[in-house]
Amino acid sequence: LAQFIYNSHKPKFESSSFLEDIGKHYEQPHGLLGLQKQLLTNVLGGKNQRISGVSEGTRKVEEALQAKKVLIVLDDINDHDVLNVLLGTSTLHTQ
């Protein structure tokens, strides 16, 4: 269902990212860093990003999201703290 909704709304945005099984990936070593890299790659149009740590990743994600209208679907996320670390909180507008 989440994938269907994502695909139907994706054309309305400048860029988009669909990250599946957040809970599963988050629990793995370097899982959050990998999720941030994937998110940035998707949002920035396929440009791979070098990130040395989660704090740097959060900062880069916040910067990338400030400049664009972006659709992000985070599937299977059940911890608000993970959301804050993954996306940052400075300019986040969720619907």
Foldseek 3Di string as FASTA:
>chain_A
DLVVVCVVCQVVWPFEEEAEPLVVQVPDVCSLVVLLQRRCCRLVPNDGDDDDDLQSSQVVLQVSPVVIGYYYHYYPDDDVVSVCSSHNDPDDDDD
